[in-house]
Amino acid sequence: MAEETVVEKTWRGILNRLPGARRGDLAVIEAAYTEPRLRALFPFPSHGALTFHRNTEFPWSNDLPFIVGDVQACTVYAPLHASKRVLGESLTPREAAALVVAYLPDDCGPALEGPWSPPGNPH
């Protein structure tokens, strides 16, 4: 059996509430995990938000939409540099996860292990 990747290990820790794993709203995290494209990204729950990154170590990519909310209602925000900040409001966790997927860039593949180095920028 293949060894678990950093992304897989992180999702497992968050979903199973393992010691040392970051905490977030379980309904939001579970909804995001059901989306294969989000499951391939590095999840980072913090301060009521669930962000997704193209890499597994700081500095983060910070260029993807993210979810703020809980089982009651979620808002999906675009990355900080986007002109339209709010992509959707009053969503269920599943709707929010699907909306994040709809706004992912086409070239957004599985997260790379290590710190973020934008394409064309050598490490």
C-alpha atoms as a PDB file:
ATOM      1  CA  MET A   1       0.000   0.000   0.000  1.00  0.00           C
ATOM      2  CA  ALA A   2       1.296   3.466  -0.885  1.00  0.00           C
ATOM      3  CA  GLU A   3       2.427   5.748   1.914  1.00  0.00           C
ATOM      4  CA  GLU A   4       0.003   8.519   2.842  1.00  0.00           C
ATOM      5  CA  THR A   5       0.771  11.939   1.376  1.00  0.00           C
ATOM      6  CA  VAL A   6       0.913  15.057   3.553  1.00  0.00           C
ATOM      7  CA  VAL A   7      -2.453  16.119   2.106  1.00  0.00           C
ATOM      8  CA  GLU A   8      -4.093  12.751   2.865  1.00  0.00           C
ATOM      9  CA  LYS A   9      -2.635  12.697   6.379  1.00  0.00           C
ATOM     10  CA  THR A  10      -3.849  16.249   7.040  1.00  0.00           C
ATOM     11  CA  TRP A  11      -7.395  15.527   5.874  1.00  0.00           C
ATOM     12  CA  ARG A  12      -7.478  12.321   7.964  1.00  0.00           C
ATOM     13  CA  GLY A  13      -6.275  14.168  11.056  1.00  0.00           C
ATOM     14  CA  ILE A  14      -8.830  16.948  10.674  1.00  0.00           C
ATOM     15  CA  LEU A  15     -11.742  14.623   9.907  1.00  0.00           C
ATOM     16  CA  ASN A  16     -10.917  12.267  12.775  1.00  0.00           C
ATOM     17  CA  ARG A  17     -10.098  15.075  15.225  1.00  0.00           C
ATOM     18  CA  LEU A  18      -6.690  13.551  15.904  1.00  0.00           C
ATOM     19  CA  PRO A  19      -4.433  15.220  18.505  1.00  0.00           C
ATOM     20  CA  GLY A  20      -2.430  18.022  16.922  1.00  0.00           C
ATOM     21  CA  ALA A  21      -4.814  18.417  13.976  1.00  0.00           C
ATOM     22  CA  ARG A  22      -6.343  21.817  13.282  1.00  0.00           C
ATOM     23  CA  ARG A  23     -10.011  22.205  14.210  1.00  0.00           C
ATOM     24  CA  GLY A  24     -12.872  23.509  12.117  1.00  0.00           C
ATOM     25  CA  ASP A  25     -16.577  23.004  11.579  1.00  0.00           C
ATOM     26  CA  LEU A  26     -16.896  19.289  10.872  1.00  0.00           C
ATOM     27  CA  ALA A  27     -19.898  19.713   8.528  1.00  0.00           C
ATOM     28  CA  VAL A  28     -17.919  22.123   6.340  1.00  0.00           C
ATOM     29  CA  ILE A  29     -14.820  19.935   6.383  1.00  0.00           C
ATOM     30  CA  GLU A  30     -16.799  16.784   5.533  1.00  0.00           C
ATOM     31  CA  ALA A  31     -18.602  18.571   2.668  1.00  0.00           C
ATOM     32  CA  ALA A  32     -15.290  19.796   1.251  1.00  0.00           C
ATOM     33  CA  TYR A  33     -13.785  16.326   1.542  1.00  0.00           C
ATOM     34  CA  THR A  34     -16.557  14.849  -0.642  1.00  0.00           C
ATOM     35  CA  GLU A  35     -15.301  16.994  -3.552  1.00  0.00           C
ATOM     36  CA  PRO A  36     -12.378  15.182  -5.245  1.00  0.00           C
ATOM     37  CA  ARG A  37     -10.734  18.423  -6.435  1.00  0.00           C
ATOM     38  CA  LEU A  38     -10.796  19.880  -2.913  1.00  0.00           C
ATOM     39  CA  ARG A  39      -9.642  16.601  -1.380  1.00  0.00           C
ATOM     40  CA  ALA A  40      -6.476  16.911  -3.519  1.00  0.00           C
ATOM     41  CA  LEU A  41      -5.661  20.324  -2.003  1.00  0.00           C
ATOM     42  CA  PHE A  42      -4.140  21.113   1.391  1.00  0.00           C
ATOM     43  CA  PRO A  43      -6.941  21.990   3.866  1.00  0.00           C
ATOM     44  CA  PHE A  44      -6.317  24.660   6.484  1.00  0.00           C
ATOM     45  CA  PRO A  45      -9.140  25.387   8.945  1.00  0.00           C
ATOM     46  CA  SER A  46      -8.583  28.522  11.016  1.00  0.00           C
ATOM     47  CA  HIS A  47     -10.719  31.214  12.655  1.00  0.00           C
ATOM     48  CA  GLY A  48     -14.019  29.938  11.220  1.00  0.00           C
ATOM     49  CA  ALA A  49     -12.629  29.608   7.691  1.00  0.00           C
ATOM     50  CA  LEU A  50     -11.600  26.593   5.646  1.00  0.00           C
ATOM     51  CA  THR A  51      -8.930  27.573   3.158  1.00  0.00           C
ATOM     52  CA  PHE A  52      -7.384  25.402   0.472  1.00  0.00           C
ATOM     53  CA  HIS A  53      -3.826  25.620  -0.770  1.00  0.00           C
ATOM     54  CA  ARG A  54      -1.811  24.310  -3.699  1.00  0.00           C
ATOM     55  CA  ASN A  55       1.058  23.412  -1.349  1.00  0.00           C
ATOM     56  CA  THR A  56       1.625  21.860   2.074  1.00  0.00           C
ATOM     57  CA  GLU A  57       3.968  24.275   3.893  1.00  0.00           C
ATOM     58  CA  PHE A  58       4.162  28.002   4.616  1.00  0.00           C
ATOM     59  CA  PRO A  59       4.206  30.246   2.673  1.00  0.00           C
ATOM     60  CA  TRP A  60       0.787  29.179   1.384  1.00  0.00           C
ATOM     61  CA  SER A  61      -0.467  29.745  -2.153  1.00  0.00           C
ATOM     62  CA  ASN A  62      -3.416  31.890  -0.891  1.00  0.00           C
ATOM     63  CA  ASP A  63      -4.844  32.107  -4.406  1.00  0.00           C
ATOM     64  CA  LEU A  64      -7.956  29.929  -4.100  1.00  0.00           C
ATOM     65  CA  PRO A  65     -11.523  30.600  -2.942  1.00  0.00           C
ATOM     66  CA  PHE A  66     -12.380  29.598   0.617  1.00  0.00           C
ATOM     67  CA  ILE A  67     -15.343  28.917   2.910  1.00  0.00           C
ATOM     68  CA  VAL A  68     -16.351  30.781   6.060  1.00  0.00           C
ATOM     69  CA  GLY A  69     -19.221  29.407   8.110  1.00  0.00           C
ATOM     70  CA  ASP A  70     -20.697  26.356   9.741  1.00  0.00           C
ATOM     71  CA  VAL A  71     -23.464  23.796   9.374  1.00  0.00           C
ATOM     72  CA  GLN A  72     -26.061  26.629   9.517  1.00  0.00           C
ATOM     73  CA  ALA A  73     -24.752  28.898   6.730  1.00  0.00           C
ATOM     74  CA  CYS A  74     -21.591  29.382   4.708  1.00  0.00           C
ATOM     75  CA  THR A  75     -20.130  32.177   2.617  1.00  0.00           C
ATOM     76  CA  VAL A  76     -17.618  31.528  -0.147  1.00  0.00           C
ATOM     77  CA  TYR A  77     -14.983  34.205  -0.659  1.00  0.00           C
ATOM     78  CA  ALA A  78     -12.632  34.745  -3.562  1.00  0.00           C
ATOM     79  CA  PRO A  79      -8.902  35.159  -2.862  1.00  0.00           C
ATOM     80  CA  LEU A  80      -7.878  38.542  -1.428  1.00  0.00           C
ATOM     81  CA  HIS A  81      -6.669  39.981  -4.743  1.00  0.00           C
ATOM     82  CA  ALA A  82      -9.982  39.326  -6.569  1.00  0.00           C
ATOM     83  CA  SER A  83     -12.256  42.237  -7.410  1.00  0.00           C
ATOM     84  CA  LYS A  84     -15.432  40.286  -6.566  1.00  0.00           C
ATOM     85  CA  ARG A  85     -14.861  39.104  -2.995  1.00  0.00           C
ATOM     86  CA  VAL A  86     -18.132  37.319  -2.118  1.00  0.00           C
ATOM     87  CA  LEU A  87     -18.924  34.462  -4.481  1.00  0.00           C
ATOM     88  CA  GLY A  88     -21.924  33.074  -2.579  1.00  0.00           C
ATOM     89  CA  GLU A  89     -23.786  33.562   0.699  1.00  0.00           C
ATOM     90  CA  SER A  90     -26.258  31.650   2.882  1.00  0.00           C
ATOM     91  CA  LEU A  91     -25.107  28.335   1.449  1.00  0.00           C
ATOM     92  CA  THR A  92     -25.160  24.867   2.931  1.00  0.00           C
ATOM     93  CA  PRO A  93     -21.703  23.335   3.452  1.00  0.00           C
ATOM     94  CA  ARG A  94     -22.196  21.120   0.354  1.00  0.00           C
ATOM     95  CA  GLU A  95     -23.268  24.085  -1.787  1.00  0.00           C
ATOM     96  CA  ALA A  96     -20.273  26.060  -0.542  1.00  0.00           C
ATOM     97  CA  ALA A  97     -17.847  23.242  -1.370  1.00  0.00           C
ATOM     98  CA  ALA A  98     -19.341  22.872  -4.869  1.00  0.00           C
ATOM     99  CA  LEU A  99     -19.040  26.630  -5.423  1.00  0.00           C
ATOM    100  CA  VAL A 100     -15.370  26.613  -4.430  1.00  0.00           C
ATOM    101  CA  VAL A 101     -14.794  23.823  -6.968  1.00  0.00           C
ATOM    102  CA  ALA A 102     -16.606  25.845  -9.659  1.00  0.00           C
ATOM    103  CA  TYR A 103     -14.181  28.740  -9.086  1.00  0.00           C
ATOM    104  CA  LEU A 104     -10.952  26.713  -8.965  1.00  0.00           C
ATOM    105  CA  PRO A 105      -8.503  27.578 -11.747  1.00  0.00           C
ATOM    106  CA  ASP A 106      -8.229  24.939 -14.478  1.00  0.00           C
ATOM    107  CA  ASP A 107      -4.563  24.345 -13.617  1.00  0.00           C
ATOM    108  CA  CYS A 108      -5.328  23.649  -9.963  1.00  0.00           C
ATOM    109  CA  GLY A 109      -4.104  20.106  -9.509  1.00  0.00           C
ATOM    110  CA  PRO A 110      -3.020  18.152  -6.464  1.00  0.00           C
ATOM    111  CA  ALA A 111      -1.138  20.135  -3.822  1.00  0.00           C
ATOM    112  CA  LEU A 112       2.628  20.096  -4.070  1.00  0.00           C
ATOM    113  CA  GLU A 113       4.577  19.130  -0.977  1.00  0.00           C
ATOM    114  CA  GLY A 114       6.581  22.010   0.452  1.00  0.00           C
ATOM    115  CA  PRO A 115       6.384  25.814   0.421  1.00  0.00           C
ATOM    116  CA  TRP A 116       4.630  27.721  -2.359  1.00  0.00           C
ATOM    117  CA  SER A 117       6.653  28.761  -5.369  1.00  0.00           C
ATOM    118  CA  PRO A 118       4.402  30.301  -8.048  1.00  0.00           C
ATOM    119  CA  PRO A 119       4.729  28.776 -11.517  1.00  0.00           C
ATOM    120  CA  GLY A 120       7.707  30.214 -13.353  1.00  0.00           C
ATOM    121  CA  ASN A 121       9.378  31.188 -10.067  1.00  0.00           C
ATOM    122  CA  PRO A 122      12.240  28.778  -9.283  1.00  0.00           C
ATOM    123  CA  HIS A 123      12.593  27.532  -5.685  1.00  0.00           C
END
